[in-house]
Amino acid sequence: MHVQFWGVRGSLPAPFLSSQMKSRISAILERASPGDLAGPESRERFLAALPPWLFGIAGGNTSCVSISFEDSGEIMVFDAGSGIRELGLFMERQPQKQRKYRVFFSHFHWDHIQGLPFFNPAYDSEVSIDFYSPLEKCEAILSSQMRSPYFPVTMDSMAAKKTFHHLKGTIAFGGGVSVSYKKMNHPGASFSYLIQDGEHRIIYATDTELSAEDFIKNDENIGYFRNADVIILDAQYTLGEAIEKYNWGHTAFSMGVDFAINWGIKHLVLFHHDPAYDDKKLFEILQAGRMYTERMNHREIEITLAMEGSDIVV
């Protein structure tokens, strides 16, 4: 399974500003000595030694993650935040057209559907798109944002063949691939997804405020969470913010680490970044999460930051 990140922010898009770029360049120049810039090799050494936040850009688009399967050519898309536009543009550049998409929605808050009107493959009559949600009236909900006065183009203008599925349990696809879902703790409800291919297990769990019930080792939780290869998890807050914003529906990164430890999850991907956090703050959170696993003597857990354009192969 090939996981690709197209949008990783929560709540609303957070574009990278020219003022931020200027500040970043200034911070790099402050660290440079004349010797660092003397030649190609010294410049490369200097750049390699810079803090990751000076080179890394998490991205400003809202939630969209794709999973592709080499054997079947299937592409599953999880949420249609503004990042789905980037997915569509990327697919248009590929030599072979992708004719089939499966789009799963965790829930229908704006930051998870706002990119759909700008998903170019949806306007291609040679493409078919299957939409999935455990909530009813998926078509009516998505159509409601594509009409006056909110948007000038209706969903009927999307020439792709569109099919809407109300999920009522695990759904099986070809090649041994299956998708299950679980209701999570979020205002108005949000659903995580478990994707399996017979060998590996990936969980997409955005927009969830982890609670004590999620840590209980009952049959349902064991079957869903235990020993997952990857979990893409809402980690929007620090612990202090999570306490202050109790019942807002998002998780502290440190609790996400505790959750991965509790369930023996191999790779924790911090996701749904707060739009107020710059890259420096996000990389500090990443470093704090890794230090926390060391203090807890669980160095075997890999922790990474969800960044637009990054990918994971499982």
Protein backbone atom coordinates (compact mmCIF):
# COMPACT_ATOMS: atom_id res chain seq x y z
CA MET A 1 0.00 0.00 0.00
CA HIS A 2 1.29 3.41 -1.00
CA VAL A 3 0.10 6.28 1.20
CA GLN A 4 0.42 9.85 -0.12
CA PHE A 5 -0.38 13.07 1.70
CA TRP A 6 -2.10 15.90 -0.22
CA GLY A 7 -3.55 17.93 2.65
CA VAL A 8 -2.51 17.72 6.30
CA ARG A 9 -4.01 20.79 8.04
CA GLY A 10 -7.11 20.96 10.17
CA SER A 11 -9.94 23.48 10.44
CA LEU A 12 -8.99 25.69 7.47
CA PRO A 13 -6.16 26.11 4.95
CA ALA A 14 -3.00 27.83 6.16
CA PRO A 15 -0.95 29.03 3.14
CA PHE A 16 2.78 29.64 3.44
CA LEU A 17 3.26 33.42 3.36
CA SER A 18 6.05 35.49 1.82
CA SER A 19 6.73 36.94 5.26
CA GLN A 20 7.34 33.44 6.56
CA MET A 21 9.72 32.73 3.70
CA LYS A 22 11.61 35.95 4.42
CA SER A 23 11.89 35.04 8.09
CA ARG A 24 13.13 31.57 7.20
CA ILE A 25 15.79 32.88 4.80
CA SER A 26 16.91 35.37 7.45
CA ALA A 27 17.24 32.57 10.03
CA ILE A 28 19.37 30.54 7.60
CA LEU A 29 21.65 33.46 6.80
CA GLU A 30 22.18 34.17 10.49
CA ARG A 31 23.58 30.66 10.90
CA ALA A 32 26.00 30.91 7.98
CA SER A 33 29.67 31.82 8.27
CA PRO A 34 31.88 32.73 5.30
CA GLY A 35 33.41 29.27 5.43
CA ASP A 36 29.98 27.64 5.07
CA LEU A 37 29.52 29.38 1.72
CA ALA A 38 33.04 28.93 0.34
CA GLY A 39 32.22 26.17 -2.11
CA PRO A 40 29.67 23.53 -3.16
CA GLU A 41 30.77 20.95 -0.57
CA SER A 42 30.78 23.39 2.35
CA ARG A 43 27.37 24.71 1.32
CA GLU A 44 25.97 21.17 1.21
CA ARG A 45 27.37 20.42 4.68
CA PHE A 46 25.89 23.67 5.99
CA LEU A 47 22.47 22.96 4.53
CA ALA A 48 22.48 19.37 5.82
CA ALA A 49 23.16 20.61 9.34
CA LEU A 50 20.25 23.08 9.45
CA PRO A 51 17.25 22.35 11.71
CA PRO A 52 14.58 20.45 9.75
CA TRP A 53 11.96 23.17 10.22
CA LEU A 54 14.06 25.53 8.10
CA PHE A 55 13.84 23.17 5.12
CA GLY A 56 10.62 21.29 5.76
CA ILE A 57 7.22 22.73 4.84
CA ALA A 58 4.28 20.75 6.22
CA GLY A 59 1.87 22.43 3.83
CA GLY A 60 -1.31 24.43 4.18
CA ASN A 61 -4.04 22.33 2.54
CA THR A 62 -6.77 20.64 4.54
CA SER A 63 -7.24 16.90 4.91
CA CYS A 64 -6.74 14.57 1.98
CA VAL A 65 -4.81 11.29 1.95
CA SER A 66 -4.67 8.69 -0.82
CA ILE A 67 -3.80 5.00 -0.68
CA SER A 68 -2.99 3.15 -3.89
CA PHE A 69 -2.56 -0.55 -4.52
CA GLU A 70 0.00 -1.71 -7.07
CA ASP A 71 -1.68 -4.99 -7.94
CA SER A 72 -5.17 -3.64 -8.61
CA GLY A 73 -4.43 -0.05 -9.63
CA GLU A 74 -7.08 1.07 -7.12
CA ILE A 75 -6.86 4.52 -5.55
CA MET A 76 -8.70 5.21 -2.32
CA VAL A 77 -8.98 8.82 -1.18
CA PHE A 78 -9.73 9.73 2.41
CA ASP A 79 -11.44 13.10 2.75
CA ALA A 80 -11.76 15.85 0.18
CA GLY A 81 -10.25 18.88 1.86
CA SER A 82 -8.42 21.44 -0.25
CA GLY A 83 -5.61 18.90 -0.71
CA ILE A 84 -7.73 16.86 -3.12
CA ARG A 85 -7.13 19.56 -5.73
CA GLU A 86 -3.41 18.76 -5.56
CA LEU A 87 -4.18 15.07 -6.00
CA GLY A 88 -6.23 15.82 -9.09
CA LEU A 89 -3.50 17.97 -10.62
CA PHE A 90 -0.92 15.28 -9.91
CA MET A 91 -3.04 12.58 -11.55
CA GLU A 92 -3.51 14.72 -14.66
CA ARG A 93 0.27 14.75 -15.14
CA GLN A 94 0.54 10.97 -15.14
CA PRO A 95 1.10 9.22 -18.50
CA GLN A 96 -1.80 6.83 -17.89
CA LYS A 97 -5.19 8.18 -16.89
CA GLN A 98 -6.68 6.96 -13.60
CA ARG A 99 -10.26 6.09 -14.44
CA LYS A 100 -11.51 4.95 -11.01
CA TYR A 101 -11.47 6.67 -7.60
CA ARG A 102 -12.99 5.65 -4.29
CA VAL A 103 -13.51 8.58 -1.90
CA PHE A 104 -14.20 7.94 1.80
CA PHE A 105 -15.38 10.70 4.13
CA SER A 106 -14.57 10.79 7.82
CA HIS A 107 -17.29 13.43 8.27
CA PHE A 108 -18.63 16.47 6.45
CA HIS A 109 -17.12 19.46 8.22
CA TRP A 110 -15.98 22.05 5.69
CA ASP A 111 -12.28 21.33 5.93
CA HIS A 112 -12.97 17.77 4.77
CA ILE A 113 -15.17 18.54 1.76
CA GLN A 114 -14.14 22.01 0.56
CA GLY A 115 -11.75 20.75 -2.11
CA LEU A 116 -14.20 18.49 -3.93
CA PRO A 117 -15.50 21.21 -6.31
CA PHE A 118 -11.89 21.67 -7.50
CA PHE A 119 -11.09 17.98 -8.08
CA ASN A 120 -10.54 17.98 -11.86
CA PRO A 121 -11.07 14.23 -12.46
CA ALA A 122 -14.66 14.69 -11.27
CA TYR A 123 -15.37 16.68 -14.46
CA ASP A 124 -14.04 13.95 -16.78
CA SER A 125 -16.74 11.76 -18.35
CA GLU A 126 -14.25 8.88 -18.67
CA VAL A 127 -13.79 8.74 -14.89
CA SER A 128 -15.97 7.06 -12.28
CA ILE A 129 -15.98 8.02 -8.60
CA ASP A 130 -17.50 6.01 -5.77
CA PHE A 131 -18.25 8.01 -2.62
CA TYR A 132 -18.50 6.28 0.76
CA SER A 133 -19.73 7.39 4.18
CA PRO A 134 -21.23 5.73 7.25
CA LEU A 135 -23.54 8.75 7.43
CA GLU A 136 -26.67 8.91 5.33
CA LYS A 137 -27.46 11.51 2.65
CA CYS A 138 -23.89 11.80 1.40
CA GLU A 139 -24.98 13.01 -2.05
CA ALA A 140 -27.32 15.66 -0.65
CA ILE A 141 -24.67 16.95 1.76
CA LEU A 142 -21.96 17.23 -0.89
CA SER A 143 -24.35 18.80 -3.39
CA SER A 144 -25.40 21.43 -0.88
CA GLN A 145 -22.02 23.17 -0.97
CA MET A 146 -22.09 23.32 -4.77
CA ARG A 147 -25.05 25.58 -5.33
CA SER A 148 -25.92 29.25 -5.12
CA PRO A 149 -25.01 31.31 -3.16
CA TYR A 150 -22.06 29.17 -2.03
CA PHE A 151 -20.63 28.06 -5.37
CA PRO A 152 -21.43 28.85 -9.02
CA VAL A 153 -21.04 25.28 -10.36
CA THR A 154 -23.44 22.53 -9.28
CA MET A 155 -22.48 18.92 -8.68
CA ASP A 156 -24.51 17.98 -11.75
CA SER A 157 -21.75 19.63 -13.79
CA MET A 158 -19.34 16.91 -12.72
CA ALA A 159 -19.29 14.67 -15.77
CA ALA A 160 -17.71 11.68 -14.01
CA LYS A 161 -19.97 8.76 -13.19
CA LYS A 162 -20.80 9.22 -9.50
CA THR A 163 -22.05 6.49 -7.19
CA PHE A 164 -22.86 7.05 -3.51
CA HIS A 165 -22.58 4.31 -0.90
CA HIS A 166 -23.98 4.33 2.62
CA LEU A 167 -21.56 2.12 4.56
CA LYS A 168 -23.13 -0.43 6.90
CA GLY A 169 -20.14 -2.61 7.76
CA THR A 170 -16.83 -3.82 6.38
CA ILE A 171 -16.59 -3.56 2.62
CA ALA A 172 -14.38 -5.93 0.61
CA PHE A 173 -12.61 -5.10 -2.63
CA GLY A 174 -10.46 -7.15 -5.00
CA GLY A 175 -7.04 -8.45 -4.07
CA GLY A 176 -7.95 -9.10 -0.45
CA VAL A 177 -8.37 -5.39 0.32
CA SER A 178 -11.02 -4.42 2.85
CA VAL A 179 -12.12 -1.21 4.57
CA SER A 180 -13.74 -1.06 8.01
CA TYR A 181 -14.79 1.98 10.00
CA LYS A 182 -15.27 3.02 13.61
CA LYS A 183 -17.10 5.97 15.11
CA MET A 184 -14.75 8.30 16.99
CA ASN A 185 -15.21 11.08 19.53
CA HIS A 186 -15.83 14.33 17.62
CA PRO A 187 -18.68 16.89 17.59
CA GLY A 188 -21.28 15.68 15.12
CA ALA A 189 -19.45 12.34 14.75
CA SER A 190 -16.36 11.41 12.77
CA PHE A 191 -15.32 7.98 11.54
CA SER A 192 -11.88 6.44 11.33
CA TYR A 193 -11.05 3.85 8.66
CA LEU A 194 -9.05 0.64 8.84
CA ILE A 195 -7.59 -0.40 5.49
CA GLN A 196 -6.24 -3.96 5.16
CA ASP A 197 -4.68 -5.82 2.24
CA GLY A 198 -4.25 -9.22 3.88
CA GLU A 199 -0.74 -8.43 5.11
CA HIS A 200 -0.76 -4.86 6.39
CA ARG A 201 -3.10 -2.58 8.31
CA ILE A 202 -3.37 1.22 8.03
CA ILE A 203 -5.70 3.37 10.13
CA TYR A 204 -6.85 6.83 9.09
CA ALA A 205 -8.16 8.57 12.22
CA THR A 206 -8.50 12.29 11.73
CA ASP A 207 -10.71 14.53 13.88
CA THR A 208 -10.89 12.48 17.03
CA GLU A 209 -10.50 13.35 20.68
CA LEU A 210 -9.09 10.18 22.20
CA SER A 211 -10.73 9.13 25.44
CA ALA A 212 -10.27 6.39 28.03
CA GLU A 213 -12.66 4.17 26.05
CA ASP A 214 -10.25 4.10 23.11
CA PHE A 215 -7.56 2.53 25.31
CA ILE A 216 -9.76 -0.27 26.69
CA LYS A 217 -8.66 -3.71 25.49
CA ASN A 218 -12.06 -5.08 24.56
CA ASP A 219 -12.73 -7.25 21.51
CA GLU A 220 -13.81 -4.36 19.29
CA ASN A 221 -10.79 -2.20 20.01
CA ILE A 222 -8.36 -5.12 19.83
CA GLY A 223 -9.63 -6.17 16.42
CA TYR A 224 -9.45 -2.63 15.10
CA PHE A 225 -6.36 -0.97 16.60
CA ARG A 226 -3.92 -3.65 17.77
CA ASN A 227 -0.61 -3.98 15.89
CA ALA A 228 -1.55 -1.64 13.04
CA ASP A 229 1.38 -0.89 10.77
CA VAL A 230 0.49 2.80 10.47
CA ILE A 231 -1.96 5.15 12.12
CA ILE A 232 -2.57 8.60 10.64
CA LEU A 233 -3.88 10.31 13.75
CA ASP A 234 -5.30 13.69 14.68
CA ALA A 235 -2.60 15.34 16.81
CA GLN A 236 -3.73 18.95 16.57
CA TYR A 237 -2.96 20.04 20.12
CA THR A 238 -0.33 20.13 22.80
CA LEU A 239 -1.47 18.63 26.09
CA GLY A 240 -2.15 22.05 27.60
CA GLU A 241 -4.30 23.05 24.64
CA ALA A 242 -6.16 19.75 24.73
CA ILE A 243 -7.10 20.40 28.35
CA GLU A 244 -8.11 23.97 27.59
CA LYS A 245 -10.12 22.87 24.54
CA TYR A 246 -11.71 19.79 26.09
CA ASN A 247 -14.54 18.38 23.98
CA TRP A 248 -13.50 20.27 20.84
CA GLY A 249 -12.85 16.92 19.18
CA HIS A 250 -9.06 16.86 18.72
CA THR A 251 -6.14 15.06 20.37
CA ALA A 252 -2.87 16.06 22.02
CA PHE A 253 0.20 14.61 20.30
CA SER A 254 1.42 13.10 23.59
CA MET A 255 -1.84 11.19 24.00
CA GLY A 256 -1.38 9.98 20.44
CA VAL A 257 1.99 8.53 21.49
CA ASP A 258 0.35 6.86 24.50
CA PHE A 259 -2.28 5.42 22.15
CA ALA A 260 0.33 3.98 19.78
CA ILE A 261 2.17 2.41 22.72
CA ASN A 262 -1.06 0.99 24.14
CA TRP A 263 -1.96 -0.77 20.88
CA GLY A 264 1.48 -1.74 19.63
CA ILE A 265 1.16 0.44 16.54
CA LYS A 266 4.42 0.56 14.62
CA HIS A 267 4.26 3.97 12.94
CA LEU A 268 2.43 7.04 14.24
CA VAL A 269 1.86 9.87 11.74
CA LEU A 270 0.94 13.19 13.38
CA PHE A 271 -1.88 14.68 11.29
CA HIS A 272 -4.52 17.45 11.12
CA HIS A 273 -2.10 20.20 12.12
CA ASP A 274 -3.43 23.33 13.77
CA PRO A 275 -3.60 26.18 11.22
CA ALA A 276 -1.97 28.51 13.77
CA TYR A 277 1.19 26.35 13.99
CA ASP A 278 4.13 27.25 11.80
CA ASP A 279 6.67 24.64 10.67
CA LYS A 280 8.99 25.39 13.58
CA LYS A 281 6.19 24.59 16.04
CA LEU A 282 5.25 21.41 14.17
CA PHE A 283 8.82 20.09 14.13
CA GLU A 284 9.14 20.91 17.84
CA ILE A 285 6.04 18.79 18.44
CA LEU A 286 7.55 15.98 16.36
CA GLN A 287 10.77 16.14 18.37
CA ALA A 288 8.83 16.19 21.65
CA GLY A 289 6.86 13.13 20.56
CA ARG A 290 10.04 11.22 19.73
CA MET A 291 11.64 12.20 23.04
CA TYR A 292 8.51 11.02 24.82
CA THR A 293 8.80 7.55 23.28
CA GLU A 294 12.42 7.42 24.49
CA ARG A 295 11.40 8.34 28.04
CA MET A 296 8.71 5.67 27.88
CA ASN A 297 11.29 3.12 26.61
CA HIS A 298 9.40 2.58 23.36
CA ARG A 299 11.98 3.63 20.81
CA GLU A 300 10.62 0.99 18.42
CA ILE A 301 7.67 3.25 17.54
CA GLU A 302 8.34 5.41 14.52
CA ILE A 303 6.86 8.91 14.65
CA THR A 304 6.68 11.19 11.61
CA LEU A 305 4.98 14.41 10.67
CA ALA A 306 2.36 14.36 7.94
CA MET A 307 3.67 16.68 5.21
CA GLU A 308 2.18 17.46 1.83
CA GLY A 309 4.00 15.61 -0.91
CA SER A 310 5.38 12.98 1.46
CA ASP A 311 4.52 9.30 1.23
CA ILE A 312 4.75 5.98 3.05
CA VAL A 313 5.05 2.54 1.49
CA VAL A 314 3.75 -0.33 3.61
